[in-house]
Amino acid sequence: AAGITVCAIPGPCAAITALSISGQATGRFCFEGFLSANKGERRERLGELENEKRTMIFQEAPHKLKATLADMASCFGVDRRISLCRELTKKNEEVLRMTLGEAVAYYEENAPRGEYVLVVEGLTKEMQKELFWQDMSIKEHVEFYMTNGLQKMEAIKVCAKDRGVHKSIIYKEINN
């Protein structure tokens, strides 16, 4: 937060190395490793983690990163914080700290390079209470997610999930 670069020294575990420099809560965490390459299985696993309160650690290959980030944003919400750690303890080490929505948008413009460790914020009490969309129309709600990097259909799905309705209801509402 103070703009001071924090780097890690080489160690036997990339997950712990990433967690230590992520800027995320380190008191309690869970390691999920690589998610399935199968879209349905990946989304199902992320859905199971939607209400996880501990910091979550994932590993990801560059060619799967965009799909994984889009699924995470869809499942966890675009405002959830993530630290994207790559090339740990190497010359080109990089840690990007942003929201999932910002990460989706960033990698639309920048090609993923290197192996990643993703450190995702757990569900906080504030998140549980916050219904930011409560005073928004359905159209405004969908547009919010699109502005934060999601494609239209993904934005519709997330909106539907937020509101506890089927995505077809949201789709019909914004196309009328």
Protein backbone atom coordinates (compact mmCIF):
# COMPACT_ATOMS: atom_id res chain seq x y z
CA ALA A 1 0.00 0.00 0.00
CA ALA A 2 2.95 2.32 0.62
CA GLY A 3 4.45 1.61 -2.80
CA ILE A 4 7.35 -0.41 -1.42
CA THR A 5 8.32 -3.41 -3.52
CA VAL A 6 8.07 -6.67 -1.62
CA CYS A 7 9.73 -9.71 -3.15
CA ALA A 8 10.10 -13.29 -2.04
CA ILE A 9 13.15 -15.47 -1.67
CA PRO A 10 13.20 -18.89 -3.38
CA GLY A 11 11.49 -21.63 -1.45
CA PRO A 12 10.00 -25.08 -1.96
CA CYS A 13 6.37 -23.95 -2.29
CA ALA A 14 5.11 -21.41 -4.84
CA ALA A 15 1.74 -21.15 -3.08
CA ILE A 16 3.24 -19.94 0.21
CA THR A 17 5.70 -17.70 -1.61
CA ALA A 18 2.81 -16.06 -3.51
CA LEU A 19 0.69 -15.75 -0.37
CA SER A 20 3.53 -14.05 1.49
CA ILE A 21 3.86 -11.27 -1.12
CA SER A 22 0.24 -11.07 -2.27
CA GLY A 23 -1.00 -8.41 0.10
CA GLN A 24 -3.96 -10.69 0.92
CA ALA A 25 -4.91 -11.96 4.38
CA THR A 26 -2.51 -14.71 5.44
CA GLY A 27 -4.08 -15.90 8.71
CA ARG A 28 -6.24 -18.57 7.12
CA PHE A 29 -6.00 -19.87 3.57
CA CYS A 30 -6.76 -22.86 1.40
CA PHE A 31 -4.76 -24.25 -1.50
CA GLU A 32 -6.80 -25.36 -4.51
CA GLY A 33 -3.99 -25.96 -7.01
CA PHE A 34 -4.87 -26.18 -10.70
CA LEU A 35 -8.54 -26.02 -11.64
CA SER A 36 -9.91 -28.40 -14.24
CA ALA A 37 -9.42 -27.52 -17.91
CA ASN A 38 -13.03 -28.63 -18.40
CA LYS A 39 -15.19 -25.50 -18.30
CA GLY A 40 -18.12 -27.13 -16.50
CA GLU A 41 -15.96 -28.80 -13.86
CA ARG A 42 -14.00 -25.58 -13.30
CA ARG A 43 -17.17 -23.54 -12.83
CA GLU A 44 -18.65 -26.16 -10.53
CA ARG A 45 -15.56 -26.09 -8.29
CA LEU A 46 -15.53 -22.29 -8.21
CA GLY A 47 -19.23 -22.34 -7.33
CA GLU A 48 -18.41 -24.56 -4.36
CA LEU A 49 -15.88 -21.95 -3.23
CA GLU A 50 -18.18 -18.94 -3.64
CA ASN A 51 -18.67 -18.48 0.11
CA GLU A 52 -15.14 -19.50 1.15
CA LYS A 53 -13.96 -17.07 3.83
CA ARG A 54 -10.28 -18.06 3.73
CA THR A 55 -7.85 -16.63 1.19
CA MET A 56 -7.80 -19.02 -1.78
CA ILE A 57 -4.68 -19.99 -3.70
CA PHE A 58 -4.82 -21.39 -7.24
CA GLN A 59 -2.21 -22.23 -9.85
CA GLU A 60 -2.82 -21.51 -13.52
CA ALA A 61 -1.13 -21.90 -16.88
CA PRO A 62 -0.97 -18.85 -19.17
CA HIS A 63 -3.13 -20.40 -21.91
CA LYS A 64 -5.99 -20.99 -19.41
CA LEU A 65 -5.68 -17.76 -17.42
CA LYS A 66 -8.29 -15.66 -19.27
CA ALA A 67 -10.99 -18.34 -18.99
CA THR A 68 -10.20 -18.92 -15.32
CA LEU A 69 -10.35 -15.20 -14.50
CA ALA A 70 -13.66 -14.81 -16.35
CA ASP A 71 -15.11 -17.76 -14.43
CA MET A 72 -13.80 -16.39 -11.13
CA ALA A 73 -15.30 -12.96 -11.83
CA SER A 74 -18.58 -14.61 -12.74
CA CYS A 75 -18.62 -16.73 -9.59
CA PHE A 76 -16.98 -14.48 -6.98
CA GLY A 77 -17.97 -11.09 -8.40
CA VAL A 78 -15.89 -8.48 -10.20
CA ASP A 79 -15.04 -6.59 -7.00
CA ARG A 80 -13.25 -9.49 -5.30
CA ARG A 81 -9.52 -8.76 -4.88
CA ILE A 82 -6.92 -10.96 -6.54
CA SER A 83 -3.14 -10.99 -6.61
CA LEU A 84 -1.70 -12.46 -9.80
CA CYS A 85 1.82 -13.69 -9.07
CA ARG A 86 4.03 -14.87 -11.91
CA GLU A 87 7.64 -15.85 -12.42
CA LEU A 88 8.14 -15.94 -8.66
CA THR A 89 11.75 -15.56 -7.45
CA LYS A 90 12.92 -15.04 -11.05
CA LYS A 91 14.23 -11.98 -12.89
CA ASN A 92 10.79 -11.12 -14.34
CA GLU A 93 8.84 -11.65 -11.11
CA GLU A 94 5.59 -9.71 -11.15
CA VAL A 95 2.71 -9.35 -8.72
CA LEU A 96 -0.41 -7.56 -9.94
CA ARG A 97 -2.93 -6.63 -7.26
CA MET A 98 -6.38 -5.69 -8.52
CA THR A 99 -10.01 -6.79 -8.59
CA LEU A 100 -11.19 -9.73 -10.66
CA GLY A 101 -12.99 -7.34 -13.01
CA GLU A 102 -9.80 -5.36 -13.51
CA ALA A 103 -7.84 -8.57 -14.09
CA VAL A 104 -10.29 -9.71 -16.79
CA ALA A 105 -9.97 -6.34 -18.53
CA TYR A 106 -6.17 -6.27 -18.13
CA TYR A 107 -5.69 -9.64 -19.81
CA GLU A 108 -7.97 -8.67 -22.68
CA GLU A 109 -5.27 -6.12 -23.53
CA ASN A 110 -2.16 -8.02 -22.33
CA ALA A 111 -1.15 -11.58 -23.15
CA PRO A 112 -0.57 -13.82 -20.12
CA ARG A 113 3.05 -14.93 -19.80
CA GLY A 114 4.54 -17.52 -17.47
CA GLU A 115 2.99 -19.73 -14.84
CA TYR A 116 0.68 -17.99 -12.36
CA VAL A 117 -0.23 -18.35 -8.72
CA LEU A 118 -3.57 -16.62 -8.11
CA VAL A 119 -4.29 -15.47 -4.58
CA VAL A 120 -7.98 -14.61 -4.23
CA GLU A 121 -9.58 -12.76 -1.35
CA GLY A 122 -11.96 -14.79 0.76
CA LEU A 123 -15.55 -13.69 1.36
CA THR A 124 -15.59 -10.91 3.95
CA LYS A 125 -18.41 -9.89 6.28
CA GLU A 126 -18.74 -6.65 4.31
CA MET A 127 -19.24 -8.63 1.10
CA GLN A 128 -21.90 -10.74 2.74
CA LYS A 129 -23.85 -7.64 3.78
CA GLU A 130 -23.25 -5.56 0.68
CA LEU A 131 -25.86 -5.62 -2.06
CA PHE A 132 -24.38 -2.86 -4.19
CA TRP A 133 -26.90 -3.50 -6.95
CA GLN A 134 -29.96 -3.11 -4.74
CA ASP A 135 -30.87 0.33 -6.10
CA MET A 136 -29.95 -0.50 -9.73
CA SER A 137 -32.31 -1.49 -12.49
CA ILE A 138 -31.59 -4.86 -14.09
CA LYS A 139 -30.15 -3.10 -17.13
CA GLU A 140 -27.85 -0.96 -14.95
CA HIS A 141 -26.81 -4.06 -13.03
CA VAL A 142 -25.78 -5.89 -16.25
CA GLU A 143 -24.05 -2.76 -17.59
CA PHE A 144 -22.05 -2.50 -14.35
CA TYR A 145 -20.55 -5.94 -14.93
CA MET A 146 -19.89 -5.23 -18.60
CA THR A 147 -18.11 -2.01 -17.68
CA ASN A 148 -15.92 -4.09 -15.36
CA GLY A 149 -14.78 -6.42 -18.14
CA LEU A 150 -17.36 -9.18 -18.49
CA GLN A 151 -18.92 -10.11 -21.80
CA LYS A 152 -22.70 -9.56 -22.08
CA MET A 153 -23.74 -13.18 -21.44
CA GLU A 154 -21.36 -13.53 -18.46
CA ALA A 155 -22.71 -10.23 -17.07
CA ILE A 156 -26.26 -11.56 -17.43
CA LYS A 157 -25.33 -14.77 -15.59
CA VAL A 158 -23.71 -12.87 -12.71
CA CYS A 159 -26.65 -10.48 -12.48
CA ALA A 160 -29.05 -13.42 -12.35
CA LYS A 161 -26.96 -15.06 -9.65
CA ASP A 162 -26.90 -11.84 -7.59
CA ARG A 163 -30.67 -11.54 -7.83
CA GLY A 164 -31.41 -15.23 -7.35
CA VAL A 165 -33.28 -15.64 -10.64
CA HIS A 166 -32.74 -17.62 -13.84
CA LYS A 167 -30.57 -15.91 -16.46
CA SER A 168 -33.43 -16.05 -19.01
CA ILE A 169 -35.38 -13.57 -16.87
CA ILE A 170 -32.47 -11.09 -16.94
CA TYR A 171 -31.94 -11.66 -20.67
CA LYS A 172 -35.59 -10.95 -21.46
CA GLU A 173 -35.63 -7.84 -19.26
CA ILE A 174 -32.61 -6.18 -20.88
CA ASN A 175 -33.70 -7.06 -24.44
CA ASN A 176 -37.19 -5.54 -24.12
